[in-house]
Amino acid sequence: MTDLVNETLLKDLTTLAQLPFEPEQVSSTLSAINEVLELVTQLENAETAEIAPLAHPLERQQVLREDAVTENIDRSQLSRNAPSFEDGLYFVPKVIE
């Protein structure tokens, strides 16, 4: 495994990201970052030419229901609590000038 990130690059990255640079954690941080980058390299090299892309990780069919009205709303009952309602419209105070 080749190290893609060294101590100098790590220090530059922590400066750019405005993260604290902890000298006592350099070794473990470098090891973790390089391990993740090695895994990414392995994923990039995986052969995927014969694999069809999926919209979802599990093969599923979407179950659709019939679009039907299931309840009726009484406008007059809903508008009883409105402070100002006229001709099917709710009037609200202007809040942006």
PDB file of N, CA and C in Angstrom:
ATOM      1  N   MET A   1       0.855  -1.184   0.000  1.00  0.00           N
ATOM      2  CA  MET A   1       0.000   0.000   0.000  1.00  0.00           C
ATOM      3  C   MET A   1       0.894   1.237   0.000  1.00  0.00           C
ATOM      4  N   THR A   2       0.678   2.114  -0.967  1.00  0.00           N
ATOM      5  CA  THR A   2       1.437   3.362  -1.016  1.00  0.00           C
ATOM      6  C   THR A   2       0.643   4.440  -0.312  1.00  0.00           C
ATOM      7  N   ASP A   3       1.364   5.273   0.420  1.00  0.00           N
ATOM      8  CA  ASP A   3       0.693   6.355   1.133  1.00  0.00           C
ATOM      9  C   ASP A   3       0.376   7.492   0.173  1.00  0.00           C
ATOM     10  N   LEU A   4      -0.884   7.783   0.007  1.00  0.00           N
ATOM     11  CA  LEU A   4      -1.309   8.874  -0.860  1.00  0.00           C
ATOM     12  C   LEU A   4      -1.262  10.215  -0.139  1.00  0.00           C
ATOM     13  N   VAL A   5      -1.368  10.164   1.180  1.00  0.00           N
ATOM     14  CA  VAL A   5      -1.334  11.385   1.994  1.00  0.00           C
ATOM     15  C   VAL A   5      -0.160  11.250   2.965  1.00  0.00           C
ATOM     16  N   ASN A   6       0.729  12.259   2.945  1.00  0.00           N
ATOM     17  CA  ASN A   6       1.838  12.263   3.897  1.00  0.00           C
ATOM     18  C   ASN A   6       1.610  13.355   4.937  1.00  0.00           C
ATOM     19  N   GLU A   7       2.544  13.499   5.863  1.00  0.00           N
ATOM     20  CA  GLU A   7       2.365  14.435   6.973  1.00  0.00           C
ATOM     21  C   GLU A   7       2.268  15.880   6.490  1.00  0.00           C
ATOM     22  N   THR A   8       3.035  16.242   5.470  1.00  0.00           N
ATOM     23  CA  THR A   8       2.991  17.611   4.939  1.00  0.00           C
ATOM     24  C   THR A   8       1.625  17.905   4.330  1.00  0.00           C
ATOM     25  N   LEU A   9       1.132  16.966   3.521  1.00  0.00           N
ATOM     26  CA  LEU A   9      -0.181  17.148   2.902  1.00  0.00           C
ATOM     27  C   LEU A   9      -1.281  17.193   3.965  1.00  0.00           C
ATOM     28  N   LEU A  10      -1.175  16.352   4.978  1.00  0.00           N
ATOM     29  CA  LEU A  10      -2.158  16.348   6.061  1.00  0.00           C
ATOM     30  C   LEU A  10      -2.190  17.703   6.766  1.00  0.00           C
ATOM     31  N   LYS A  11      -1.019  18.270   7.019  1.00  0.00           N
ATOM     32  CA  LYS A  11      -0.962  19.578   7.680  1.00  0.00           C
ATOM     33  C   LYS A  11      -1.594  20.650   6.796  1.00  0.00           C
ATOM     34  N   ASP A  12      -1.327  20.594   5.483  1.00  0.00           N
ATOM     35  CA  ASP A  12      -1.934  21.552   4.547  1.00  0.00           C
ATOM     36  C   ASP A  12      -3.454  21.388   4.502  1.00  0.00           C
ATOM     37  N   LEU A  13      -3.920  20.144   4.506  1.00  0.00           N
ATOM     38  CA  LEU A  13      -5.365  19.896   4.466  1.00  0.00           C
ATOM     39  C   LEU A  13      -6.059  20.395   5.730  1.00  0.00           C
ATOM     40  N   THR A  14      -5.434  20.193   6.883  1.00  0.00           N
ATOM     41  CA  THR A  14      -6.045  20.676   8.127  1.00  0.00           C
ATOM     42  C   THR A  14      -6.084  22.198   8.151  1.00  0.00           C
ATOM     43  N   THR A  15      -5.094  22.835   7.539  1.00  0.00           N
ATOM     44  CA  THR A  15      -5.104  24.299   7.449  1.00  0.00           C
ATOM     45  C   THR A  15      -6.233  24.769   6.542  1.00  0.00           C
ATOM     46  N   LEU A  16      -6.353  24.129   5.367  1.00  0.00           N
ATOM     47  CA  LEU A  16      -7.417  24.512   4.425  1.00  0.00           C
ATOM     48  C   LEU A  16      -8.807  24.271   4.998  1.00  0.00           C
ATOM     49  N   ALA A  17      -8.975  23.169   5.723  1.00  0.00           N
ATOM     50  CA  ALA A  17     -10.274  22.813   6.291  1.00  0.00           C
ATOM     51  C   ALA A  17     -10.513  23.507   7.630  1.00  0.00           C
ATOM     52  N   GLN A  18      -9.537  24.268   8.078  1.00  0.00           N
ATOM     53  CA  GLN A  18      -9.617  24.967   9.364  1.00  0.00           C
ATOM     54  C   GLN A  18      -9.921  24.000  10.505  1.00  0.00           C
ATOM     55  N   LEU A  19      -9.197  22.861  10.481  1.00  0.00           N
ATOM     56  CA  LEU A  19      -9.296  21.864  11.544  1.00  0.00           C
ATOM     57  C   LEU A  19      -8.045  21.950  12.409  1.00  0.00           C
ATOM     58  N   PRO A  20      -8.161  21.635  13.667  1.00  0.00           N
ATOM     59  CA  PRO A  20      -6.961  21.684  14.518  1.00  0.00           C
ATOM     60  C   PRO A  20      -5.974  20.589  14.119  1.00  0.00           C
ATOM     61  N   PHE A  21      -4.691  20.930  14.069  1.00  0.00           N
ATOM     62  CA  PHE A  21      -3.635  19.967  13.752  1.00  0.00           C
ATOM     63  C   PHE A  21      -3.099  19.423  15.062  1.00  0.00           C
ATOM     64  N   GLU A  22      -3.343  18.132  15.297  1.00  0.00           N
ATOM     65  CA  GLU A  22      -2.927  17.475  16.536  1.00  0.00           C
ATOM     66  C   GLU A  22      -1.696  16.623  16.242  1.00  0.00           C
ATOM     67  N   PRO A  23      -0.502  17.097  16.602  1.00  0.00           N
ATOM     68  CA  PRO A  23       0.720  16.333  16.289  1.00  0.00           C
ATOM     69  C   PRO A  23       0.723  14.913  16.848  1.00  0.00           C
ATOM     70  N   GLU A  24       0.100  14.683  17.997  1.00  0.00           N
ATOM     71  CA  GLU A  24       0.103  13.343  18.583  1.00  0.00           C
ATOM     72  C   GLU A  24      -0.822  12.379  17.842  1.00  0.00           C
ATOM     73  N   GLN A  25      -1.704  12.897  16.983  1.00  0.00           N
ATOM     74  CA  GLN A  25      -2.630  12.033  16.253  1.00  0.00           C
ATOM     75  C   GLN A  25      -2.266  11.893  14.778  1.00  0.00           C
ATOM     76  N   VAL A  26      -1.117  12.417  14.380  1.00  0.00           N
ATOM     77  CA  VAL A  26      -0.725  12.391  12.970  1.00  0.00           C
ATOM     78  C   VAL A  26      -0.633  10.963  12.449  1.00  0.00           C
ATOM     79  N   SER A  27       0.016  10.091  13.178  1.00  0.00           N
ATOM     80  CA  SER A  27       0.225   8.720  12.720  1.00  0.00           C
ATOM     81  C   SER A  27      -1.099   7.985  12.509  1.00  0.00           C
ATOM     82  N   SER A  28      -2.000   8.054  13.478  1.00  0.00           N
ATOM     83  CA  SER A  28      -3.274   7.338  13.356  1.00  0.00           C
ATOM     84  C   SER A  28      -4.167   7.963  12.279  1.00  0.00           C
ATOM     85  N   THR A  29      -4.114   9.293  12.163  1.00  0.00           N
ATOM     86  CA  THR A  29      -4.920   9.967  11.144  1.00  0.00           C
ATOM     87  C   THR A  29      -4.423   9.620   9.747  1.00  0.00           C
ATOM     88  N   LEU A  30      -3.115   9.636   9.547  1.00  0.00           N
ATOM     89  CA  LEU A  30      -2.550   9.271   8.247  1.00  0.00           C
ATOM     90  C   LEU A  30      -2.900   7.831   7.886  1.00  0.00           C
ATOM     91  N   SER A  31      -2.805   6.944   8.860  1.00  0.00           N
ATOM     92  CA  SER A  31      -3.131   5.544   8.619  1.00  0.00           C
ATOM     93  C   SER A  31      -4.589   5.395   8.194  1.00  0.00           C
ATOM     94  N   ALA A  32      -5.497   6.070   8.893  1.00  0.00           N
ATOM     95  CA  ALA A  32      -6.927   5.965   8.580  1.00  0.00           C
ATOM     96  C   ALA A  32      -7.246   6.550   7.208  1.00  0.00           C
ATOM     97  N   ILE A  33      -6.685   7.725   6.908  1.00  0.00           N
ATOM     98  CA  ILE A  33      -6.954   8.363   5.609  1.00  0.00           C
ATOM     99  C   ILE A  33      -6.428   7.504   4.475  1.00  0.00           C
ATOM    100  N   ASN A  34      -5.216   7.010   4.613  1.00  0.00           N
ATOM    101  CA  ASN A  34      -4.635   6.183   3.549  1.00  0.00           C
ATOM    102  C   ASN A  34      -5.374   4.862   3.392  1.00  0.00           C
ATOM    103  N   GLU A  35      -5.903   4.321   4.465  1.00  0.00           N
ATOM    104  CA  GLU A  35      -6.696   3.096   4.378  1.00  0.00           C
ATOM    105  C   GLU A  35      -7.979   3.336   3.586  1.00  0.00           C
ATOM    106  N   VAL A  36      -8.643   4.447   3.840  1.00  0.00           N
ATOM    107  CA  VAL A  36      -9.870   4.785   3.111  1.00  0.00           C
ATOM    108  C   VAL A  36      -9.551   5.013   1.634  1.00  0.00           C
ATOM    109  N   LEU A  37      -8.474   5.733   1.356  1.00  0.00           N
ATOM    110  CA  LEU A  37      -8.111   5.989  -0.038  1.00  0.00           C
ATOM    111  C   LEU A  37      -7.723   4.707  -0.763  1.00  0.00           C
ATOM    112  N   GLU A  38      -7.113   3.757  -0.065  1.00  0.00           N
ATOM    113  CA  GLU A  38      -6.793   2.455  -0.655  1.00  0.00           C
ATOM    114  C   GLU A  38      -8.072   1.690  -0.998  1.00  0.00           C
ATOM    115  N   LEU A  39      -9.078   1.759  -0.127  1.00  0.00           N
ATOM    116  CA  LEU A  39     -10.368   1.112  -0.412  1.00  0.00           C
ATOM    117  C   LEU A  39     -11.040   1.749  -1.624  1.00  0.00           C
ATOM    118  N   VAL A  40     -10.947   3.062  -1.742  1.00  0.00           N
ATOM    119  CA  VAL A  40     -11.520   3.754  -2.900  1.00  0.00           C
ATOM    120  C   VAL A  40     -10.818   3.308  -4.177  1.00  0.00           C
ATOM    121  N   THR A  41      -9.503   3.164  -4.115  1.00  0.00           N
ATOM    122  CA  THR A  41      -8.744   2.692  -5.271  1.00  0.00           C
ATOM    123  C   THR A  41      -9.191   1.284  -5.661  1.00  0.00           C
ATOM    124  N   GLN A  42      -9.417   0.421  -4.688  1.00  0.00           N
ATOM    125  CA  GLN A  42      -9.896  -0.931  -4.984  1.00  0.00           C
ATOM    126  C   GLN A  42     -11.273  -0.890  -5.638  1.00  0.00           C
ATOM    127  N   LEU A  43     -12.142  -0.012  -5.156  1.00  0.00           N
ATOM    128  CA  LEU A  43     -13.475   0.104  -5.752  1.00  0.00           C
ATOM    129  C   LEU A  43     -13.396   0.622  -7.184  1.00  0.00           C
ATOM    130  N   GLU A  44     -12.491   1.580  -7.430  1.00  0.00           N
ATOM    131  CA  GLU A  44     -12.334   2.108  -8.789  1.00  0.00           C
ATOM    132  C   GLU A  44     -11.843   1.030  -9.751  1.00  0.00           C
ATOM    133  N   ASN A  45     -11.066   0.081  -9.258  1.00  0.00           N
ATOM    134  CA  ASN A  45     -10.511  -0.962 -10.109  1.00  0.00           C
ATOM    135  C   ASN A  45     -11.438  -2.169 -10.262  1.00  0.00           C
ATOM    136  N   ALA A  46     -12.549  -2.188  -9.590  1.00  0.00           N
ATOM    137  CA  ALA A  46     -13.488  -3.306  -9.686  1.00  0.00           C
ATOM    138  C   ALA A  46     -14.097  -3.357 -11.084  1.00  0.00           C
ATOM    139  N   GLU A  47     -14.235  -4.555 -11.628  1.00  0.00           N
ATOM    140  CA  GLU A  47     -14.799  -4.740 -12.955  1.00  0.00           C
ATOM    141  C   GLU A  47     -16.326  -4.640 -12.886  1.00  0.00           C
ATOM    142  N   THR A  48     -16.893  -3.646 -13.526  1.00  0.00           N
ATOM    143  CA  THR A  48     -18.343  -3.428 -13.474  1.00  0.00           C
ATOM    144  C   THR A  48     -18.974  -3.379 -14.863  1.00  0.00           C
ATOM    145  N   ALA A  49     -18.235  -3.759 -15.892  1.00  0.00           N
ATOM    146  CA  ALA A  49     -18.745  -3.645 -17.261  1.00  0.00           C
ATOM    147  C   ALA A  49     -19.982  -4.509 -17.493  1.00  0.00           C
ATOM    148  N   GLU A  50     -20.052  -5.672 -16.867  1.00  0.00           N
ATOM    149  CA  GLU A  50     -21.160  -6.599 -17.099  1.00  0.00           C
ATOM    150  C   GLU A  50     -22.294  -6.432 -16.096  1.00  0.00           C
ATOM    151  N   ILE A  51     -22.218  -5.439 -15.246  1.00  0.00           N
ATOM    152  CA  ILE A  51     -23.226  -5.258 -14.204  1.00  0.00           C
ATOM    153  C   ILE A  51     -24.171  -4.128 -14.597  1.00  0.00           C
ATOM    154  N   ALA A  52     -25.454  -4.428 -14.622  1.00  0.00           N
ATOM    155  CA  ALA A  52     -26.460  -3.416 -14.977  1.00  0.00           C
ATOM    156  C   ALA A  52     -26.708  -2.491 -13.781  1.00  0.00           C
ATOM    157  N   PRO A  53     -26.851  -1.205 -14.039  1.00  0.00           N
ATOM    158  CA  PRO A  53     -27.118  -0.284 -12.929  1.00  0.00           C
ATOM    159  C   PRO A  53     -28.504  -0.511 -12.339  1.00  0.00           C
ATOM    160  N   LEU A  54     -28.640  -0.228 -11.053  1.00  0.00           N
ATOM    161  CA  LEU A  54     -29.902  -0.396 -10.351  1.00  0.00           C
ATOM    162  C   LEU A  54     -30.429   0.957  -9.892  1.00  0.00           C
ATOM    163  N   ALA A  55     -31.736   1.100  -9.880  1.00  0.00           N
ATOM    164  CA  ALA A  55     -32.345   2.300  -9.319  1.00  0.00           C
ATOM    165  C   ALA A  55     -32.431   2.174  -7.807  1.00  0.00           C
ATOM    166  N   HIS A  56     -32.394   0.952  -7.317  1.00  0.00           N
ATOM    167  CA  HIS A  56     -32.498   0.664  -5.888  1.00  0.00           C
ATOM    168  C   HIS A  56     -31.614  -0.547  -5.611  1.00  0.00           C
ATOM    169  N   PRO A  57     -30.955  -0.612  -4.460  1.00  0.00           N
ATOM    170  CA  PRO A  57     -30.073  -1.745  -4.211  1.00  0.00           C
ATOM    171  C   PRO A  57     -30.792  -3.095  -4.138  1.00  0.00           C
ATOM    172  N   LEU A  58     -32.068  -3.094  -3.907  1.00  0.00           N
ATOM    173  CA  LEU A  58     -32.852  -4.325  -3.895  1.00  0.00           C
ATOM    174  C   LEU A  58     -33.774  -4.327  -5.107  1.00  0.00           C
ATOM    175  N   GLU A  59     -33.880  -5.475  -5.747  1.00  0.00           N
ATOM    176  CA  GLU A  59     -34.778  -5.586  -6.895  1.00  0.00           C
ATOM    177  C   GLU A  59     -36.219  -5.581  -6.402  1.00  0.00           C
ATOM    178  N   ARG A  60     -36.910  -4.499  -6.608  1.00  0.00           N
ATOM    179  CA  ARG A  60     -38.295  -4.378  -6.155  1.00  0.00           C
ATOM    180  C   ARG A  60     -39.144  -3.753  -7.248  1.00  0.00           C
ATOM    181  N   GLN A  61     -40.399  -4.078  -7.217  1.00  0.00           N
ATOM    182  CA  GLN A  61     -41.362  -3.450  -8.102  1.00  0.00           C
ATOM    183  C   GLN A  61     -42.187  -2.473  -7.278  1.00  0.00           C
ATOM    184  N   GLN A  62     -42.409  -1.297  -7.813  1.00  0.00           N
ATOM    185  CA  GLN A  62     -43.197  -0.316  -7.092  1.00  0.00           C
ATOM    186  C   GLN A  62     -44.676  -0.679  -7.183  1.00  0.00           C
ATOM    187  N   VAL A  63     -45.290  -0.765  -6.017  1.00  0.00           N
ATOM    188  CA  VAL A  63     -46.703  -1.097  -5.968  1.00  0.00           C
ATOM    189  C   VAL A  63     -47.493   0.207  -6.063  1.00  0.00           C
ATOM    190  N   LEU A  64     -48.282   0.310  -7.090  1.00  0.00           N
ATOM    191  CA  LEU A  64     -49.077   1.517  -7.297  1.00  0.00           C
ATOM    192  C   LEU A  64     -50.530   1.229  -6.955  1.00  0.00           C
ATOM    193  N   ARG A  65     -51.166   2.211  -6.335  1.00  0.00           N
ATOM    194  CA  ARG A  65     -52.585   2.061  -6.029  1.00  0.00           C
ATOM    195  C   ARG A  65     -53.373   2.924  -7.010  1.00  0.00           C
ATOM    196  N   GLU A  66     -54.621   2.604  -7.123  1.00  0.00           N
ATOM    197  CA  GLU A  66     -55.483   3.385  -7.996  1.00  0.00           C
ATOM    198  C   GLU A  66     -55.683   4.762  -7.374  1.00  0.00           C
ATOM    199  N   ASP A  67     -55.590   5.785  -8.193  1.00  0.00           N
ATOM    200  CA  ASP A  67     -55.772   7.153  -7.717  1.00  0.00           C
ATOM    201  C   ASP A  67     -57.270   7.432  -7.654  1.00  0.00           C
ATOM    202  N   ALA A  68     -57.789   7.448  -6.437  1.00  0.00           N
ATOM    203  CA  ALA A  68     -59.226   7.639  -6.261  1.00  0.00           C
ATOM    204  C   ALA A  68     -59.480   8.569  -5.080  1.00  0.00           C
ATOM    205  N   VAL A  69     -60.570   9.326  -5.157  1.00  0.00           N
ATOM    206  CA  VAL A  69     -60.965  10.204  -4.064  1.00  0.00           C
ATOM    207  C   VAL A  69     -61.469   9.347  -2.918  1.00  0.00           C
ATOM    208  N   THR A  70     -60.903   9.578  -1.726  1.00  0.00           N
ATOM    209  CA  THR A  70     -61.299   8.758  -0.581  1.00  0.00           C
ATOM    210  C   THR A  70     -62.104   9.533   0.448  1.00  0.00           C
ATOM    211  N   GLU A  71     -62.061  10.851   0.370  1.00  0.00           N
ATOM    212  CA  GLU A  71     -62.851  11.645   1.313  1.00  0.00           C
ATOM    213  C   GLU A  71     -63.185  12.995   0.688  1.00  0.00           C
ATOM    214  N   ASN A  72     -64.257  13.594   1.155  1.00  0.00           N
ATOM    215  CA  ASN A  72     -64.666  14.921   0.681  1.00  0.00           C
ATOM    216  C   ASN A  72     -64.467  15.920   1.807  1.00  0.00           C
ATOM    217  N   ILE A  73     -63.996  17.101   1.439  1.00  0.00           N
ATOM    218  CA  ILE A  73     -63.723  18.137   2.435  1.00  0.00           C
ATOM    219  C   ILE A  73     -64.813  19.195   2.343  1.00  0.00           C
ATOM    220  N   ASP A  74     -65.385  19.535   3.475  1.00  0.00           N
ATOM    221  CA  ASP A  74     -66.418  20.563   3.546  1.00  0.00           C
ATOM    222  C   ASP A  74     -65.739  21.918   3.745  1.00  0.00           C
ATOM    223  N   ARG A  75     -65.714  22.747   2.679  1.00  0.00           N
ATOM    224  CA  ARG A  75     -65.049  24.050   2.735  1.00  0.00           C
ATOM    225  C   ARG A  75     -65.636  24.964   3.804  1.00  0.00           C
ATOM    226  N   SER A  76     -66.935  24.970   3.938  1.00  0.00           N
ATOM    227  CA  SER A  76     -67.563  25.867   4.900  1.00  0.00           C
ATOM    228  C   SER A  76     -67.156  25.503   6.325  1.00  0.00           C
ATOM    229  N   GLN A  77     -67.014  24.228   6.599  1.00  0.00           N
ATOM    230  CA  GLN A  77     -66.601  23.814   7.936  1.00  0.00           C
ATOM    231  C   GLN A  77     -65.139  24.205   8.197  1.00  0.00           C
ATOM    232  N   LEU A  78     -64.276  24.063   7.197  1.00  0.00           N
ATOM    233  CA  LEU A  78     -62.874  24.435   7.361  1.00  0.00           C
ATOM    234  C   LEU A  78     -62.680  25.945   7.492  1.00  0.00           C
ATOM    235  N   SER A  79     -63.510  26.715   6.832  1.00  0.00           N
ATOM    236  CA  SER A  79     -63.330  28.168   6.831  1.00  0.00           C
ATOM    237  C   SER A  79     -63.939  28.842   8.057  1.00  0.00           C
ATOM    238  N   ARG A  80     -64.638  28.114   8.913  1.00  0.00           N
ATOM    239  CA  ARG A  80     -65.252  28.721  10.106  1.00  0.00           C
ATOM    240  C   ARG A  80     -64.214  29.345  11.042  1.00  0.00           C
ATOM    241  N   ASN A  81     -63.037  28.757  11.149  1.00  0.00           N
ATOM    242  CA  ASN A  81     -62.011  29.277  12.041  1.00  0.00           C
ATOM    243  C   ASN A  81     -61.138  30.357  11.411  1.00  0.00           C
ATOM    244  N   ALA A  82     -61.313  30.596  10.138  1.00  0.00           N
ATOM    245  CA  ALA A  82     -60.491  31.596   9.459  1.00  0.00           C
ATOM    246  C   ALA A  82     -60.959  32.995   9.846  1.00  0.00           C
ATOM    247  N   PRO A  83     -60.023  33.903  10.153  1.00  0.00           N
ATOM    248  CA  PRO A  83     -60.419  35.254  10.527  1.00  0.00           C
ATOM    249  C   PRO A  83     -61.053  36.028   9.370  1.00  0.00           C
ATOM    250  N   SER A  84     -60.600  35.758   8.141  1.00  0.00           N
ATOM    251  CA  SER A  84     -61.159  36.461   6.995  1.00  0.00           C
ATOM    252  C   SER A  84     -61.233  35.501   5.814  1.00  0.00           C
ATOM    253  N   PHE A  85     -62.454  35.144   5.417  1.00  0.00           N
ATOM    254  CA  PHE A  85     -62.680  34.194   4.340  1.00  0.00           C
ATOM    255  C   PHE A  85     -63.839  34.708   3.507  1.00  0.00           C
ATOM    256  N   GLU A  86     -63.604  34.782   2.183  1.00  0.00           N
ATOM    257  CA  GLU A  86     -64.660  35.295   1.314  1.00  0.00           C
ATOM    258  C   GLU A  86     -64.517  34.681  -0.073  1.00  0.00           C
ATOM    259  N   ASP A  87     -65.583  34.184  -0.645  1.00  0.00           N
ATOM    260  CA  ASP A  87     -65.620  33.599  -1.990  1.00  0.00           C
ATOM    261  C   ASP A  87     -64.563  32.503  -2.186  1.00  0.00           C
ATOM    262  N   GLY A  88     -64.371  31.674  -1.170  1.00  0.00           N
ATOM    263  CA  GLY A  88     -63.416  30.579  -1.276  1.00  0.00           C
ATOM    264  C   GLY A  88     -61.963  30.982  -1.078  1.00  0.00           C
ATOM    265  N   LEU A  89     -61.718  32.227  -0.667  1.00  0.00           N
ATOM    266  CA  LEU A  89     -60.353  32.712  -0.481  1.00  0.00           C
ATOM    267  C   LEU A  89     -60.092  33.040   0.985  1.00  0.00           C
ATOM    268  N   TYR A  90     -58.892  32.725   1.448  1.00  0.00           N
ATOM    269  CA  TYR A  90     -58.455  33.088   2.794  1.00  0.00           C
ATOM    270  C   TYR A  90     -57.630  34.368   2.684  1.00  0.00           C
ATOM    271  N   PHE A  91     -57.980  35.383   3.443  1.00  0.00           N
ATOM    272  CA  PHE A  91     -57.247  36.634   3.433  1.00  0.00           C
ATOM    273  C   PHE A  91     -56.314  36.676   4.639  1.00  0.00           C
ATOM    274  N   VAL A  92     -55.057  36.996   4.363  1.00  0.00           N
ATOM    275  CA  VAL A  92     -54.061  37.055   5.424  1.00  0.00           C
ATOM    276  C   VAL A  92     -53.414  38.437   5.421  1.00  0.00           C
ATOM    277  N   PRO A  93     -52.908  38.881   6.585  1.00  0.00           N
ATOM    278  CA  PRO A  93     -52.273  40.189   6.623  1.00  0.00           C
ATOM    279  C   PRO A  93     -50.950  40.186   5.862  1.00  0.00           C
ATOM    280  N   LYS A  94     -50.600  41.304   5.291  1.00  0.00           N
ATOM    281  CA  LYS A  94     -49.359  41.462   4.562  1.00  0.00           C
ATOM    282  C   LYS A  94     -48.208  41.474   5.567  1.00  0.00           C
ATOM    283  N   VAL A  95     -47.213  40.635   5.353  1.00  0.00           N
ATOM    284  CA  VAL A  95     -46.105  40.581   6.303  1.00  0.00           C
ATOM    285  C   VAL A  95     -44.784  41.037   5.669  1.00  0.00           C
ATOM    286  N   ILE A  96     -44.712  41.144   4.362  1.00  0.00           N
ATOM    287  CA  ILE A  96     -43.514  41.616   3.671  1.00  0.00           C
ATOM    288  C   ILE A  96     -43.868  42.869   2.921  1.00  0.00           C
ATOM    289  N   GLU A  97     -43.062  43.868   3.114  1.00  0.00           N
ATOM    290  CA  GLU A  97     -43.335  45.133   2.403  1.00  0.00           C
ATOM    291  C   GLU A  97     -42.359  45.364   1.301  1.00  0.00           C
TER     292      GLU A  97
END
